[in-house]
């Protein structure tokens, strides 16, 4: 029997024609499965779930067992940067996919602000084709504007037909109301979604961290919460006018959550997501000027963090978005003013959020069902004779996250040295088995 316990290396192997995988005594977490909340053995043959029983005994199989093992359909992330094309020194599709798989993800939506920006059908098709050999599914987000400059609309129709899962300008907020209005009208006709990071640049220009007591103490220019909240209010007004579908990601303030909550009560088709670092860190953690904590939207107050936690538990936040942003050492080991925004989070997302939410069913639902529903993807199942799209994990296992565990090409994580609660054992997806050894 094989027991996988250290999150250090990753082992990827295609399941051969004669190879089988037996997952022993795992609690199944899948609301649509007839085996939900039951402890079962699961047999996977040639990438297909062949048997789910109380006890399965079979020879010549790879056995996966663990401590309080759990199993769900594959997790999905809705907002990550794999830096390819154009910035392969930061990340590649391969390294990003390996990090995602190690974090338990079988599906990842990629932001379009690469070099060049993903703004044509050819670039969408390139990413989908490149992803065919990877252990995860990649879903490209098409840019709303050319070069993500916010000035002229792209050929969204062609990108939609070529496989763009949604549209947005990545980490850049669409500043012009008229541009966003037209984009919302387009996706309304195509049953797609606009993804927006809330950030009014005319308000926060030059801000390096949250505007408040800590920015004054640290002598850093502030980015006020109002820059986020004004943008959310404007976007909601445009959404109300167009009756379209909007997803706001990276929400970081209590008022921002309240605005979205009220819009939803009014019947608007709006959803939102929060990052793991906005739930874990506050602006007070910037006291040592750690550039890994320089992010956008910036880390807010402890009161905002507490409000996000409450919203997560109450269902006012729909899902978690990694905002995985690799940055090379030169862009982080420098003065805070010159450091680039972002941190890598795919491998630590579960261990951080699980320690905050402490509700396995709720967290799995956010990682598997609610995000797929937002973007119109078919939800996989845990049933006999269906393709295996599975994440295997141990919710109660604790470990320290170490730099040597990082599979991304960049190491810009503020979670190094932090205790994680919940360990990913591996995934089975696309007829591939990926295990953390």
Protein backbone atom coordinates (compact mmCIF):
# COMPACT_ATOMS: atom_id res chain seq x y z
CA UNK A 1 0.00 0.00 0.00
CA UNK A 2 1.34 3.43 -0.94
CA UNK A 3 0.89 6.34 1.45
CA UNK A 4 1.65 9.84 0.19
CA UNK A 5 2.52 12.31 2.92
CA UNK A 6 5.03 14.98 1.85
CA UNK A 7 4.11 17.95 -0.31
CA UNK A 8 7.55 18.29 -1.88
CA UNK A 9 7.66 16.76 -5.34
CA UNK A 10 5.06 15.95 -7.93
CA UNK A 11 4.74 12.71 -9.86
CA UNK A 12 2.74 12.74 -13.07
CA UNK A 13 2.01 9.53 -14.87
CA UNK A 14 -0.43 8.72 -17.61
CA UNK A 15 -2.67 5.82 -16.68
CA UNK A 16 -1.74 3.11 -19.14
CA UNK A 17 -4.21 0.78 -20.80
CA UNK A 18 -3.64 -1.94 -18.24
CA UNK A 19 -3.15 0.28 -15.21
CA UNK A 20 -5.70 0.72 -12.45
CA UNK A 21 -5.86 3.02 -9.44
CA UNK A 22 -7.65 2.08 -6.23
CA UNK A 23 -8.48 4.82 -3.73
CA UNK A 24 -9.07 3.24 -0.33
CA UNK A 25 -11.60 4.37 2.26
CA UNK A 26 -12.21 7.91 1.10
CA UNK A 27 -15.10 10.10 2.22
CA UNK A 28 -16.85 11.25 -0.95
CA UNK A 29 -17.81 14.95 -0.99
CA UNK A 30 -20.06 15.55 -3.99
CA UNK A 31 -23.63 16.79 -3.57
CA UNK A 32 -24.78 15.28 -6.89
CA UNK A 33 -23.30 11.83 -6.21
CA UNK A 34 -25.42 9.00 -4.77
CA UNK A 35 -22.36 8.27 -2.59
CA UNK A 36 -22.15 11.75 -1.06
CA UNK A 37 -20.68 11.73 2.49
CA UNK A 38 -20.12 7.97 2.35
CA UNK A 39 -16.76 6.28 2.95
CA UNK A 40 -15.97 4.09 -0.04
CA UNK A 41 -13.26 2.43 -2.12
CA UNK A 42 -13.11 3.88 -5.63
CA UNK A 43 -11.61 1.96 -8.54
CA UNK A 44 -10.43 3.87 -11.62
CA UNK A 45 -9.51 1.94 -14.77
CA UNK A 46 -8.19 3.70 -17.88
CA UNK A 47 -9.35 7.02 -16.50
CA UNK A 48 -12.93 5.81 -15.91
CA UNK A 49 -14.60 5.25 -12.53
CA UNK A 50 -15.43 1.53 -12.66
CA UNK A 51 -16.47 0.67 -9.12
CA UNK A 52 -17.48 2.39 -5.88
CA UNK A 53 -17.89 -0.11 -3.04
CA UNK A 54 -17.43 -0.49 0.71
CA UNK A 55 -14.35 -2.60 0.08
CA UNK A 56 -12.57 -3.46 -3.15
CA UNK A 57 -9.74 -5.97 -3.35
CA UNK A 58 -7.81 -6.22 -6.60
CA UNK A 59 -4.29 -7.21 -7.63
CA UNK A 60 -1.80 -5.31 -9.76
CA UNK A 61 -3.15 -1.90 -8.90
CA UNK A 62 -1.77 1.35 -7.58
CA UNK A 63 -3.30 1.95 -4.18
CA UNK A 64 -3.85 5.40 -2.69
CA UNK A 65 -4.60 5.47 1.03
CA UNK A 66 -4.22 8.08 3.69
CA UNK A 67 -5.24 9.58 6.98
CA UNK A 68 -8.94 10.57 6.89
CA UNK A 69 -8.85 10.57 3.09
CA UNK A 70 -11.47 12.61 1.19
CA UNK A 71 -12.46 12.69 -2.46
CA UNK A 72 -14.33 15.26 -4.54
CA UNK A 73 -14.74 16.17 -8.18
CA UNK A 74 -11.79 18.15 -9.48
CA UNK A 75 -11.30 21.64 -8.13
CA UNK A 76 -11.41 24.67 -10.41
CA UNK A 77 -9.65 28.04 -10.19
CA UNK A 78 -11.12 30.98 -12.05
CA UNK A 79 -8.29 33.53 -12.17
CA UNK A 80 -4.62 32.63 -12.63
CA UNK A 81 -1.63 33.83 -14.62
CA UNK A 82 0.64 31.24 -16.24
CA UNK A 83 2.64 34.05 -17.95
CA UNK A 84 2.86 32.28 -21.31
CA UNK A 85 3.28 33.62 -23.92
CA UNK A 86 5.76 36.40 -23.33
CA UNK A 87 6.95 35.94 -19.74
CA UNK A 88 8.10 32.34 -19.62
CA UNK A 89 10.85 33.33 -17.17
CA UNK A 90 8.06 33.82 -14.58
CA UNK A 91 5.91 30.79 -15.40
CA UNK A 92 5.01 28.48 -18.26
CA UNK A 93 1.88 26.52 -19.02
CA UNK A 94 3.71 23.38 -17.86
CA UNK A 95 5.01 24.78 -14.57
CA UNK A 96 1.71 26.49 -13.85
CA UNK A 97 -0.19 23.28 -14.57
CA UNK A 98 2.11 21.33 -12.24
CA UNK A 99 1.56 23.86 -9.47
CA UNK A 100 -2.19 23.76 -10.05
CA UNK A 101 -2.30 19.96 -9.97
CA UNK A 102 -0.24 19.94 -6.76
CA UNK A 103 -2.80 22.33 -5.31
CA UNK A 104 -5.65 19.96 -6.21
CA UNK A 105 -6.90 21.77 -9.31
CA UNK A 106 -8.06 20.00 -12.45
CA UNK A 107 -9.31 23.16 -14.18
CA UNK A 108 -7.82 26.66 -14.34
CA UNK A 109 -9.06 29.82 -16.05
CA UNK A 110 -6.17 31.92 -17.36
CA UNK A 111 -6.10 35.72 -17.45
CA UNK A 112 -5.51 37.26 -20.90
CA UNK A 113 -2.96 39.95 -20.05
CA UNK A 114 0.09 38.10 -21.38
CA UNK A 115 2.49 39.25 -24.12
CA UNK A 116 0.78 39.46 -26.55
CA UNK A 117 -2.60 39.85 -24.89
CA UNK A 118 -5.04 37.02 -25.57
CA UNK A 119 -7.30 39.05 -27.85
CA UNK A 120 -7.88 36.91 -30.94
CA UNK A 121 -9.29 33.53 -31.87
CA UNK A 122 -5.80 32.32 -32.83
CA UNK A 123 -4.44 33.01 -29.35
CA UNK A 124 -7.40 31.25 -27.72
CA UNK A 125 -6.86 28.23 -29.96
CA UNK A 126 -3.11 28.27 -29.24
CA UNK A 127 -3.69 28.00 -25.48
CA UNK A 128 -6.29 25.25 -25.84
CA UNK A 129 -4.03 23.25 -28.15
CA UNK A 130 -0.98 23.69 -25.90
CA UNK A 131 -2.99 22.46 -22.93
CA UNK A 132 -3.96 19.12 -24.46
CA UNK A 133 -0.94 17.29 -23.03
CA UNK A 134 -1.18 18.91 -19.59
CA UNK A 135 -2.75 17.13 -16.61
CA UNK A 136 -5.31 19.92 -16.16
CA UNK A 137 -7.89 21.65 -18.32
CA UNK A 138 -7.05 25.22 -19.25
CA UNK A 139 -9.88 27.67 -19.95
CA UNK A 140 -8.67 30.92 -21.57
CA UNK A 141 -10.28 34.24 -20.69
CA UNK A 142 -10.42 36.53 -23.72
CA UNK A 143 -9.53 40.20 -23.33
CA UNK A 144 -12.32 42.74 -23.68
CA UNK A 145 -10.07 45.39 -25.20
CA UNK A 146 -7.10 45.25 -27.55
CA UNK A 147 -3.86 44.80 -25.63
CA UNK A 148 -5.97 45.17 -22.46
CA UNK A 149 -5.54 48.93 -22.88
CA UNK A 150 -9.21 49.70 -22.25
CA UNK A 151 -9.67 51.65 -25.48
CA UNK A 152 -11.08 49.46 -28.28
CA UNK A 153 -13.08 46.25 -28.17
CA UNK A 154 -11.59 42.98 -29.40
CA UNK A 155 -13.27 40.43 -31.69
CA UNK A 156 -15.11 38.86 -28.79
CA UNK A 157 -17.45 36.91 -31.08
CA UNK A 158 -14.57 35.00 -32.70
CA UNK A 159 -12.91 34.29 -29.36
CA UNK A 160 -16.17 33.03 -27.91
CA UNK A 161 -16.59 30.62 -30.81
CA UNK A 162 -12.99 29.44 -30.39
CA UNK A 163 -13.40 28.57 -26.73
CA UNK A 164 -12.98 31.69 -24.58
CA UNK A 165 -14.76 30.84 -21.33
CA UNK A 166 -15.32 34.49 -20.31
CA UNK A 167 -14.04 38.00 -21.00
CA UNK A 168 -12.12 40.60 -19.04
CA UNK A 169 -8.89 42.57 -19.18
CA UNK A 170 -7.25 40.35 -16.59
CA UNK A 171 -5.73 42.24 -13.69
CA UNK A 172 -6.48 45.55 -15.41
CA UNK A 173 -9.87 47.07 -14.64
CA UNK A 174 -11.92 48.41 -17.53
CA UNK A 175 -11.95 52.10 -16.75
CA UNK A 176 -14.19 53.47 -19.51
CA UNK A 177 -17.88 53.00 -18.75
CA UNK A 178 -18.82 52.97 -22.44
CA UNK A 179 -16.43 50.13 -23.18
CA UNK A 180 -17.72 48.01 -20.31
CA UNK A 181 -21.31 48.80 -21.31
CA UNK A 182 -20.72 47.42 -24.81
CA UNK A 183 -18.91 44.37 -23.47
CA UNK A 184 -21.76 43.58 -21.10
CA UNK A 185 -24.24 43.88 -23.93
CA UNK A 186 -22.19 41.49 -26.03
CA UNK A 187 -21.88 38.75 -23.41
CA UNK A 188 -25.58 39.06 -22.62
CA UNK A 189 -26.34 37.89 -26.14
CA UNK A 190 -23.78 35.07 -25.96
CA UNK A 191 -24.61 33.87 -22.43
CA UNK A 192 -21.05 34.59 -21.31
CA UNK A 193 -19.57 36.54 -18.40
CA UNK A 194 -17.49 39.68 -17.88
CA UNK A 195 -14.83 39.38 -15.16
CA UNK A 196 -13.77 42.61 -13.54
CA UNK A 197 -11.16 43.48 -10.89
CA UNK A 198 -12.60 46.51 -9.02
CA UNK A 199 -10.08 49.33 -9.16
CA UNK A 200 -10.75 52.94 -10.17
CA UNK A 201 -7.35 54.18 -11.32
CA UNK A 202 -8.43 57.82 -11.25
CA UNK A 203 -8.78 57.53 -7.48
CA UNK A 204 -5.89 55.30 -6.47
CA UNK A 205 -3.12 56.44 -8.83
CA UNK A 206 0.21 55.92 -7.06
CA UNK A 207 -1.24 53.99 -4.13
CA UNK A 208 1.01 51.19 -2.84
CA UNK A 209 -1.13 49.79 0.00
CA UNK A 210 -4.47 50.33 1.69
CA UNK A 211 -5.02 53.94 2.67
CA UNK A 212 -5.38 54.19 6.43
CA UNK A 213 -3.52 54.23 9.70
CA UNK A 214 -0.92 51.70 8.53
CA UNK A 215 -0.09 53.53 5.31
CA UNK A 216 0.50 56.67 7.37
CA UNK A 217 2.72 54.80 9.84
CA UNK A 218 4.73 53.15 7.08
CA UNK A 219 4.99 56.29 4.98
CA UNK A 220 3.55 54.65 1.88
CA UNK A 221 1.03 56.22 -0.53
CA UNK A 222 -2.45 54.86 0.10
CA UNK A 223 -4.97 53.17 -2.17
CA UNK A 224 -8.37 53.96 -0.60
CA UNK A 225 -11.14 51.40 -0.28
CA UNK A 226 -13.29 53.92 -2.14
CA UNK A 227 -11.36 53.17 -5.36
CA UNK A 228 -12.73 49.63 -5.20
CA UNK A 229 -16.20 50.51 -3.99
CA UNK A 230 -16.83 53.27 -6.55
CA UNK A 231 -15.87 50.85 -9.32
CA UNK A 232 -18.18 48.13 -7.98
CA UNK A 233 -21.07 50.63 -7.74
CA UNK A 234 -20.47 51.81 -11.31
CA UNK A 235 -20.26 48.27 -12.65
CA UNK A 236 -23.49 47.34 -10.88
CA UNK A 237 -25.22 50.34 -12.49
CA UNK A 238 -24.05 49.20 -15.93
CA UNK A 239 -25.10 45.64 -15.17
CA UNK A 240 -28.55 46.83 -14.14
CA UNK A 241 -28.91 48.69 -17.43
CA UNK A 242 -27.73 45.81 -19.64
CA UNK A 243 -29.28 42.92 -17.67
CA UNK A 244 -26.08 41.01 -18.39
CA UNK A 245 -23.78 38.79 -16.28
CA UNK A 246 -20.87 40.20 -14.27
CA UNK A 247 -18.32 38.54 -12.00
CA UNK A 248 -16.25 40.73 -9.70
CA UNK A 249 -13.06 39.10 -8.47
CA UNK A 250 -10.60 40.18 -5.79
CA UNK A 251 -13.22 41.90 -3.63
CA UNK A 252 -11.44 43.11 -0.51
CA UNK A 253 -13.73 45.46 1.45
CA UNK A 254 -16.85 45.07 3.58
CA UNK A 255 -18.71 47.75 1.64
CA UNK A 256 -17.79 46.09 -1.65
CA UNK A 257 -19.36 42.83 -0.44
CA UNK A 258 -22.46 44.72 0.77
CA UNK A 259 -22.89 46.40 -2.64
CA UNK A 260 -22.75 43.03 -4.41
CA UNK A 261 -25.07 41.44 -1.86
CA UNK A 262 -27.69 44.15 -2.37
CA UNK A 263 -27.40 43.94 -6.15
CA UNK A 264 -28.03 40.21 -5.95
CA UNK A 265 -31.12 40.86 -3.80
CA UNK A 266 -32.36 43.13 -6.59
CA UNK A 267 -32.19 40.18 -8.97
CA UNK A 268 -29.05 41.15 -10.87
CA UNK A 269 -26.92 38.39 -12.35
CA UNK A 270 -23.79 39.17 -10.35
CA UNK A 271 -21.27 36.93 -8.62
CA UNK A 272 -18.00 37.51 -6.82
CA UNK A 273 -14.84 35.84 -5.59
CA UNK A 274 -12.17 36.55 -3.02
CA UNK A 275 -8.48 35.68 -2.92
CA UNK A 276 -6.81 33.54 -0.25
CA UNK A 277 -4.46 36.35 0.76
CA UNK A 278 -7.26 38.86 1.36
CA UNK A 279 -8.72 36.34 3.81
CA UNK A 280 -5.43 35.67 5.60
CA UNK A 281 -3.44 38.91 5.68
CA UNK A 282 -4.34 42.50 6.56
CA UNK A 283 -2.53 45.79 5.97
CA UNK A 284 -0.95 45.39 9.41
CA UNK A 285 1.14 42.52 8.02
CA UNK A 286 3.00 45.03 5.82
CA UNK A 287 4.91 46.37 8.81
CA UNK A 288 8.09 44.68 7.51
CA UNK A 289 7.55 45.91 3.94
CA UNK A 290 7.30 42.35 2.61
CA UNK A 291 7.01 42.81 -1.15
CA UNK A 292 5.27 39.45 -1.49
CA UNK A 293 2.33 41.17 0.20
CA UNK A 294 2.18 43.90 -2.41
CA UNK A 295 -0.99 43.00 -4.30
CA UNK A 296 -3.86 44.71 -6.10
CA UNK A 297 -6.45 45.29 -4.73
CA UNK A 298 -4.26 45.84 -1.67
CA UNK A 299 -4.56 44.10 1.66
CA UNK A 300 -7.22 45.87 3.70
CA UNK A 301 -7.96 46.29 7.41
CA UNK A 302 -8.61 43.53 9.92
CA UNK A 303 -12.24 44.61 9.94
CA UNK A 304 -12.44 44.01 6.20
CA UNK A 305 -10.79 40.60 6.59
CA UNK A 306 -13.36 39.63 9.22
CA UNK A 307 -16.17 40.80 6.94
CA UNK A 308 -14.83 38.68 4.08
CA UNK A 309 -14.71 35.63 6.34
CA UNK A 310 -18.33 36.15 7.37
CA UNK A 311 -19.39 36.61 3.76
CA UNK A 312 -17.59 33.43 2.78
CA UNK A 313 -19.43 31.38 5.39
CA UNK A 314 -22.81 32.99 4.67
CA UNK A 315 -22.63 32.41 0.92
CA UNK A 316 -22.37 36.09 -0.06
CA UNK A 317 -19.05 35.17 -1.71
CA UNK A 318 -19.56 32.60 -4.46
CA UNK A 319 -16.10 31.12 -4.82
CA UNK A 320 -12.36 31.46 -4.25
CA UNK A 321 -10.03 32.83 -6.94
CA UNK A 322 -6.31 32.20 -6.59
CA UNK A 323 -5.11 35.37 -8.40
CA UNK A 324 -1.95 33.27 -8.85
CA UNK A 325 0.62 35.79 -10.14
CA UNK A 326 4.22 34.60 -10.49
CA UNK A 327 6.86 37.32 -10.35
CA UNK A 328 10.59 36.77 -10.76
CA UNK A 329 12.97 37.52 -7.91
CA UNK A 330 14.21 40.78 -9.44
CA UNK A 331 10.69 42.17 -9.35
CA UNK A 332 10.16 41.27 -5.69
CA UNK A 333 13.59 41.60 -4.06
CA UNK A 334 13.67 45.36 -4.32
CA UNK A 335 12.24 48.44 -2.64
CA UNK A 336 8.52 48.17 -1.95
CA UNK A 337 7.78 51.07 -4.26
CA UNK A 338 9.29 49.29 -7.26
CA UNK A 339 8.07 45.75 -6.57
CA UNK A 340 5.42 44.34 -8.86
CA UNK A 341 2.04 43.25 -7.56
CA UNK A 342 1.01 39.66 -6.92
CA UNK A 343 1.96 36.35 -5.36
CA UNK A 344 1.74 32.66 -6.21
CA UNK A 345 -1.14 30.89 -4.45
CA UNK A 346 -2.28 27.76 -6.30
CA UNK A 347 -0.43 25.29 -4.08
CA UNK A 348 -1.46 26.97 -0.82
CA UNK A 349 -5.04 28.00 -1.58
CA UNK A 350 -6.67 24.95 -0.05
CA UNK A 351 -4.46 24.80 3.05
CA UNK A 352 -5.18 28.46 3.80
CA UNK A 353 -8.91 28.60 3.08
CA UNK A 354 -9.58 25.26 4.78
CA UNK A 355 -8.10 26.62 7.99
CA UNK A 356 -10.39 29.65 7.78
CA UNK A 357 -13.68 28.10 6.67
CA UNK A 358 -13.40 24.80 8.59
CA UNK A 359 -16.34 23.41 6.62
CA UNK A 360 -15.30 20.79 4.07
CA UNK A 361 -18.67 20.54 2.33
CA UNK A 362 -18.97 24.32 1.89
CA UNK A 363 -15.40 24.72 0.68
CA UNK A 364 -15.63 21.85 -1.80
CA UNK A 365 -18.86 23.28 -3.17
CA UNK A 366 -17.15 26.62 -3.80
CA UNK A 367 -14.15 24.91 -5.43
CA UNK A 368 -16.18 22.55 -7.65
CA UNK A 369 -19.79 23.48 -8.29
CA UNK A 370 -20.47 27.16 -7.72
CA UNK A 371 -17.58 28.35 -9.88
CA UNK A 372 -18.46 26.02 -12.75
CA UNK A 373 -22.10 27.16 -12.64
CA UNK A 374 -21.05 30.80 -12.93
CA UNK A 375 -19.14 30.13 -16.14
CA UNK A 376 -21.50 27.58 -17.64
CA UNK A 377 -19.28 24.51 -17.40
CA UNK A 378 -20.60 20.99 -17.03
CA UNK A 379 -20.09 19.72 -13.48
CA UNK A 380 -18.31 16.33 -13.41
CA UNK A 381 -19.75 13.50 -11.37
CA UNK A 382 -18.63 10.73 -9.06
CA UNK A 383 -20.60 7.84 -10.50
CA UNK A 384 -19.92 4.51 -12.17
CA UNK A 385 -18.70 4.62 -15.80
CA UNK A 386 -17.95 8.35 -15.95
CA UNK A 387 -14.49 9.87 -16.63
CA UNK A 388 -12.54 10.43 -13.43
CA UNK A 389 -12.09 14.12 -12.66
CA UNK A 390 -11.10 13.82 -9.02
CA UNK A 391 -9.23 15.62 -6.25
CA UNK A 392 -7.92 13.54 -3.33
CA UNK A 393 -7.19 15.33 -0.05
CA UNK A 394 -6.92 15.13 3.73
CA UNK A 395 -8.80 18.01 5.40
CA UNK A 396 -7.38 17.56 8.89
CA UNK A 397 -3.68 17.03 8.08
CA UNK A 398 -1.39 19.92 8.98
CA UNK A 399 2.03 20.73 7.56
CA UNK A 400 4.43 23.63 7.09
CA UNK A 401 4.63 25.03 3.57
CA UNK A 402 8.28 25.24 2.52
CA UNK A 403 9.93 26.93 -0.44
CA UNK A 404 11.28 23.60 -1.72
CA UNK A 405 7.68 22.51 -2.27
CA UNK A 406 7.04 25.27 -4.82
CA UNK A 407 6.57 23.98 -8.36
CA UNK A 408 6.05 27.37 -9.98
CA UNK A 409 9.07 28.91 -11.69
CA UNK A 410 8.69 31.92 -9.38
CA UNK A 411 8.84 31.74 -5.59
CA UNK A 412 6.96 34.90 -4.59
CA UNK A 413 4.79 33.44 -1.85
CA UNK A 414 4.02 35.12 1.45
CA UNK A 415 2.83 31.74 2.75
CA UNK A 416 6.30 30.17 2.99
CA UNK A 417 6.80 29.06 6.58
CA UNK A 418 3.06 29.20 7.34
CA UNK A 419 1.17 26.23 8.73
CA UNK A 420 -1.37 24.75 6.32
CA UNK A 421 -4.44 22.84 7.42
CA UNK A 422 -5.48 20.34 4.77
CA UNK A 423 -3.18 18.50 2.42
CA UNK A 424 -3.77 17.65 -1.22
CA UNK A 425 -2.75 14.08 -2.05
CA UNK A 426 -3.28 14.35 -5.79
CA UNK A 427 -5.66 14.44 -8.72
CA UNK A 428 -6.92 12.03 -11.37
CA UNK A 429 -7.85 13.89 -14.53
CA UNK A 430 -7.65 13.51 -18.32
CA UNK A 431 -6.57 9.89 -17.88
CA UNK A 432 -3.58 11.04 -15.80
CA UNK A 433 -2.67 10.42 -12.19
CA UNK A 434 -0.82 13.24 -10.41
CA UNK A 435 0.42 12.65 -6.88
CA UNK A 436 2.24 14.81 -4.33
CA UNK A 437 5.07 12.63 -3.02
